[in-house]
Amino acid sequence: MIAGIGVDVVDLARFSRAIERTPRLRERLFTEAERRLPVHSLAARFAAKEALIKALGGSEGVRWHDMEIVADGEGDPGFVLHNVVERDARARGIANIHVSMTHDAGVAMAFVVTERADRG
């Protein structure tokens, strides 16, 4: 059963300027593994993290490092949750998180669907 849906869009040029102006932004928003990626991939991950917050219904107590985008064995993106976000998702009965990210024509976008376990 779908528990929440979130979507977010990031302007690549604006995001790139922000990263250039404030180099510590990479450290603040992304885990060590994520930081090594090119800016367009970081923008898509930022959009995914924002979309997850929306799908979960809020950001109280959330830290950016509590949400990490990783690739599964087939190269598809997924979330690894930590700390507050992990506890919040568990408390809401979230069993699965689906994420899709893209970047093209100066925009990065992500779509997230959270799913509760079927209680039937």
Protein backbone atom coordinates (compact mmCIF):
# COMPACT_ATOMS: atom_id res chain seq x y z
CA MET A 1 0.00 0.00 0.00
CA ILE A 2 1.35 3.44 -0.94
CA ALA A 3 2.11 5.52 2.15
CA GLY A 4 3.49 8.66 0.53
CA ILE A 5 4.66 10.28 -2.68
CA GLY A 6 7.23 13.03 -3.11
CA VAL A 7 8.76 14.82 -6.07
CA ASP A 8 11.42 17.51 -6.32
CA VAL A 9 13.14 19.45 -9.11
CA VAL A 10 16.56 21.14 -8.96
CA ASP A 11 17.93 23.72 -11.40
CA LEU A 12 21.38 22.36 -12.33
CA ALA A 13 23.02 25.73 -12.99
CA ARG A 14 21.78 27.16 -9.69
CA PHE A 15 22.83 24.03 -7.78
CA SER A 16 26.26 24.08 -9.43
CA ARG A 17 26.76 27.74 -8.48
CA ALA A 18 25.78 26.98 -4.88
CA ILE A 19 28.31 24.12 -4.70
CA GLU A 20 31.04 26.34 -6.19
CA ARG A 21 30.24 29.28 -3.89
CA THR A 22 30.02 27.10 -0.77
CA PRO A 23 32.33 24.09 -1.11
CA ARG A 24 31.34 22.76 2.34
CA LEU A 25 27.82 22.27 0.98
CA ARG A 26 28.98 18.92 -0.46
CA GLU A 27 30.01 17.78 3.01
CA ARG A 28 26.83 19.05 4.64
CA LEU A 29 24.37 17.52 2.13
CA PHE A 30 26.06 14.29 1.05
CA THR A 31 27.73 11.25 2.55
CA GLU A 32 31.37 10.60 1.79
CA ALA A 33 30.51 8.10 -0.95
CA GLU A 34 28.03 10.48 -2.60
CA ARG A 35 30.39 13.50 -2.60
CA ARG A 36 32.66 11.99 -5.26
CA LEU A 37 29.93 12.12 -7.91
CA PRO A 38 29.58 14.80 -10.60
CA VAL A 39 27.40 17.83 -9.86
CA HIS A 40 24.46 16.65 -12.01
CA SER A 41 24.33 13.40 -10.01
CA LEU A 42 24.54 15.31 -6.73
CA ALA A 43 21.65 17.53 -7.83
CA ALA A 44 19.52 14.46 -8.58
CA ARG A 45 20.40 12.99 -5.18
CA PHE A 46 19.52 16.25 -3.46
CA ALA A 47 16.15 16.19 -5.26
CA ALA A 48 15.67 12.57 -4.15
CA LYS A 49 16.36 13.45 -0.51
CA GLU A 50 13.89 16.35 -0.70
CA ALA A 51 11.32 14.06 -2.34
CA LEU A 52 11.78 11.47 0.41
CA ILE A 53 11.16 14.11 3.08
CA LYS A 54 7.92 14.99 1.29
CA ALA A 55 6.90 11.34 0.95
CA LEU A 56 7.49 10.81 4.68
CA GLY A 57 5.45 13.89 5.53
CA GLY A 58 8.05 16.18 7.08
CA SER A 59 11.62 16.91 8.01
CA GLU A 60 11.62 17.34 11.78
CA GLY A 61 14.99 16.22 13.11
CA VAL A 62 16.22 15.04 9.70
CA ARG A 63 19.88 15.41 8.79
CA TRP A 64 21.01 15.11 5.18
CA HIS A 65 23.41 12.27 6.00
CA ASP A 66 20.47 10.25 7.36
CA MET A 67 19.43 9.63 3.74
CA GLU A 68 21.96 8.07 1.39
CA ILE A 69 21.43 7.07 -2.22
CA VAL A 70 23.19 3.85 -3.19
CA ALA A 71 23.06 1.61 -6.24
CA ASP A 72 21.83 -1.95 -5.85
CA GLY A 73 23.50 -4.93 -7.52
CA GLU A 74 21.88 -4.03 -10.84
CA GLY A 75 22.83 -0.34 -10.67
CA ASP A 76 19.36 0.91 -9.72
CA PRO A 77 19.19 3.67 -7.08
CA GLY A 78 17.80 3.12 -3.63
CA PHE A 79 17.92 4.67 -0.18
CA VAL A 80 19.87 3.56 2.85
CA LEU A 81 18.38 5.29 5.87
CA HIS A 82 20.11 6.15 9.13
CA ASN A 83 19.21 7.62 12.53
CA VAL A 84 16.07 9.82 12.65
CA VAL A 85 14.93 9.05 9.11
CA GLU A 86 15.30 5.29 9.64
CA ARG A 87 13.36 5.44 12.92
CA ASP A 88 10.65 7.65 11.39
CA ALA A 89 10.21 5.36 8.39
CA ARG A 90 10.03 2.30 10.64
CA ALA A 91 7.50 4.02 12.95
CA ARG A 92 5.33 4.80 9.92
CA GLY A 93 5.46 1.16 8.83
CA ILE A 94 7.43 1.89 5.65
CA ALA A 95 8.58 -1.39 4.12
CA ASN A 96 9.85 -0.15 0.74
CA ILE A 97 11.07 3.09 -0.77
CA HIS A 98 11.09 3.47 -4.53
CA VAL A 99 13.15 6.23 -6.12
CA SER A 100 13.66 7.42 -9.67
CA MET A 101 16.12 10.18 -10.58
CA THR A 102 16.92 11.94 -13.83
CA HIS A 103 18.78 14.95 -15.16
CA ASP A 104 18.42 16.60 -18.55
CA ALA A 105 18.06 20.05 -20.12
CA GLY A 106 19.42 21.86 -17.08
CA VAL A 107 17.14 20.17 -14.55
CA ALA A 108 17.51 17.29 -12.10
CA MET A 109 14.36 15.59 -10.85
CA ALA A 110 13.48 12.81 -8.44
CA PHE A 111 10.29 10.94 -7.64
CA VAL A 112 9.88 8.88 -4.46
CA VAL A 113 7.13 6.50 -3.40
CA THR A 114 7.03 5.03 0.10
CA GLU A 115 5.16 1.80 0.61
CA ARG A 116 3.77 0.14 3.73
CA ALA A 117 3.83 -3.62 4.12
CA ASP A 118 0.54 -5.25 3.18
CA ARG A 119 -1.15 -6.02 6.47
CA GLY A 120 -3.71 -8.34 4.85
